[in-house]
Amino acid sequence: MITSYAPSATHGASAHDIRQEVARLRRLATLLDAAFRIPGTKARWGLDTLIGLLPVGGTAIMLVPSLYIVWKSWHLGVGRPVLARMLANVLVEAAADLVPVLGDIFDTAFKADLRNVALLEQHFGLSTPRTP
């Protein structure tokens, strides 16, 4: 539960502030990983898949918002083990994305940003909504 964390662990953020920030990060992750539905399927993709189609540069561009989610998690007081898992998710997705086409398919399925927000929600004992 959020209220069990010491204020110093969350840089003085209140439980309400943490919920709001996590909700904002979930909206960002959804935009990056699941904003659009592939017609005729339940499969979803986001800007990460679209921008990731740009050779090499797309991967570099999409590292910025992914690392922003990790940075904000650190700022909220998430511990090193969870941050390490988050960074691993980002690095796995970025490495796979370097492989043309197959990397983009992997990226669409793996959804590192949504995984990382789920880890953040789990850390604070918040419910994780199902991905649309």
Protein backbone atom coordinates (compact mmCIF):
# COMPACT_ATOMS: atom_id res chain seq x y z
CA MET A 1 0.00 0.00 0.00
CA ILE A 2 1.27 3.45 -0.83
CA THR A 3 0.76 4.93 2.63
CA SER A 4 3.21 2.42 4.13
CA TYR A 5 6.15 4.02 2.32
CA ALA A 6 8.19 6.62 4.12
CA PRO A 7 7.98 10.09 2.58
CA SER A 8 11.73 10.06 1.99
CA ALA A 9 11.36 6.92 -0.15
CA THR A 10 9.01 8.76 -2.49
CA HIS A 11 10.77 12.13 -2.34
CA GLY A 12 7.93 13.60 -0.28
CA ALA A 13 5.16 12.60 -2.68
CA SER A 14 1.76 11.89 -1.17
CA ALA A 15 -0.22 8.74 -1.96
CA HIS A 16 -2.51 10.85 -4.15
CA ASP A 17 0.47 12.32 -6.04
CA ILE A 18 1.90 8.85 -6.60
CA ARG A 19 -1.42 7.54 -7.94
CA GLN A 20 -1.68 10.51 -10.31
CA GLU A 21 1.90 10.09 -11.55
CA VAL A 22 1.48 6.35 -12.06
CA ALA A 23 -1.77 6.97 -13.97
CA ARG A 24 0.03 9.52 -16.15
CA LEU A 25 2.84 7.06 -16.84
CA ARG A 26 0.26 4.36 -17.70
CA ARG A 27 -1.31 6.70 -20.27
CA LEU A 28 2.13 7.35 -21.78
CA ALA A 29 2.95 3.62 -21.87
CA THR A 30 -0.41 2.88 -23.50
CA LEU A 31 0.27 5.50 -26.17
CA LEU A 32 3.69 3.97 -26.78
CA ASP A 33 2.66 0.29 -26.71
CA ALA A 34 -1.08 -0.17 -27.24
CA ALA A 35 -2.81 2.94 -28.57
CA PHE A 36 -4.07 1.36 -31.79
CA ARG A 37 -5.77 -1.91 -32.67
CA ILE A 38 -4.72 -3.98 -35.65
CA PRO A 39 -7.97 -4.29 -37.66
CA GLY A 40 -9.66 -7.67 -37.38
CA THR A 41 -7.54 -8.76 -34.41
CA LYS A 42 -7.18 -8.15 -30.69
CA ALA A 43 -3.54 -7.17 -31.26
CA ARG A 44 -2.56 -3.65 -30.28
CA TRP A 45 0.40 -1.48 -31.17
CA GLY A 46 1.55 2.01 -30.36
CA LEU A 47 3.88 4.77 -31.38
CA ASP A 48 6.85 2.66 -30.32
CA THR A 49 6.11 0.20 -33.13
CA LEU A 50 5.47 2.95 -35.67
CA ILE A 51 8.52 5.06 -34.89
CA GLY A 52 10.60 1.93 -34.36
CA LEU A 53 10.19 1.18 -38.07
CA LEU A 54 12.74 3.91 -38.77
CA PRO A 55 16.09 2.13 -39.10
CA VAL A 56 18.28 2.57 -35.98
CA GLY A 57 17.08 6.13 -35.37
CA GLY A 58 13.61 4.93 -34.43
CA THR A 59 15.03 2.73 -31.71
CA ALA A 60 17.14 5.58 -30.35
CA ILE A 61 14.18 7.97 -30.39
CA MET A 62 11.94 5.51 -28.55
CA LEU A 63 14.54 4.90 -25.85
CA VAL A 64 13.86 8.41 -24.54
CA PRO A 65 10.25 7.90 -23.35
CA SER A 66 11.05 4.37 -22.17
CA LEU A 67 13.92 5.61 -20.04
CA TYR A 68 11.74 8.51 -18.85
CA ILE A 69 9.33 5.98 -17.32
CA VAL A 70 12.26 4.31 -15.53
CA TRP A 71 13.60 7.68 -14.37
CA LYS A 72 10.20 8.74 -13.02
CA SER A 73 9.95 5.39 -11.22
CA TRP A 74 13.31 6.03 -9.59
CA HIS A 75 12.15 9.52 -8.64
CA LEU A 76 9.04 8.04 -7.01
CA GLY A 77 11.26 5.84 -4.84
CA VAL A 78 11.20 2.46 -6.57
CA GLY A 79 14.05 0.24 -5.36
CA ARG A 80 17.04 -0.97 -7.33
CA PRO A 81 15.78 -4.52 -8.00
CA VAL A 82 12.61 -3.21 -9.68
CA LEU A 83 14.55 -0.52 -11.54
CA ALA A 84 16.97 -3.19 -12.78
CA ARG A 85 14.04 -5.23 -14.15
CA MET A 86 12.67 -2.11 -15.82
CA LEU A 87 16.01 -1.32 -17.44
CA ALA A 88 16.33 -4.94 -18.57
CA ASN A 89 12.90 -4.69 -20.24
CA VAL A 90 13.96 -1.52 -22.06
CA LEU A 91 17.28 -3.00 -23.15
CA VAL A 92 15.72 -6.27 -24.38
CA GLU A 93 13.19 -4.35 -26.45
CA ALA A 94 15.82 -1.95 -27.82
CA ALA A 95 18.19 -4.80 -28.75
CA ALA A 96 15.42 -6.75 -30.48
CA ASP A 97 14.26 -3.60 -32.28
CA LEU A 98 17.63 -3.38 -34.03
CA VAL A 99 16.66 -6.42 -36.13
CA PRO A 100 14.61 -5.10 -39.07
CA VAL A 101 10.96 -6.22 -39.22
CA LEU A 102 11.33 -9.11 -36.72
CA GLY A 103 12.39 -6.62 -34.06
CA ASP A 104 9.31 -4.53 -34.73
CA ILE A 105 7.09 -7.60 -34.40
CA PHE A 106 8.81 -8.47 -31.12
CA ASP A 107 8.42 -4.88 -29.97
CA THR A 108 4.70 -4.99 -30.68
CA ALA A 109 4.31 -8.16 -28.61
CA PHE A 110 6.75 -7.45 -25.75
CA LYS A 111 5.45 -3.99 -24.74
CA ALA A 112 8.30 -3.01 -22.39
CA ASP A 113 6.69 0.28 -21.33
CA LEU A 114 3.44 -1.36 -20.21
CA ARG A 115 5.48 -4.05 -18.42
CA ASN A 116 7.41 -1.35 -16.61
CA VAL A 117 4.32 0.54 -15.52
CA ALA A 118 2.86 -2.76 -14.26
CA LEU A 119 6.04 -3.22 -12.17
CA LEU A 120 5.62 0.32 -10.85
CA GLU A 121 1.97 -0.32 -9.97
CA GLN A 122 2.90 -3.60 -8.29
CA HIS A 123 5.59 -1.83 -6.26
CA PHE A 124 3.05 0.63 -4.88
CA GLY A 125 0.27 -1.95 -4.47
CA LEU A 126 -1.91 -0.35 -7.13
CA SER A 127 -4.14 -2.41 -9.40
CA THR A 128 -2.88 -2.93 -12.92
CA PRO A 129 -5.61 -2.42 -15.53
CA ARG A 130 -5.79 -4.87 -18.39
CA THR A 131 -4.25 -3.59 -21.58
CA PRO A 132 -7.04 -2.54 -23.95
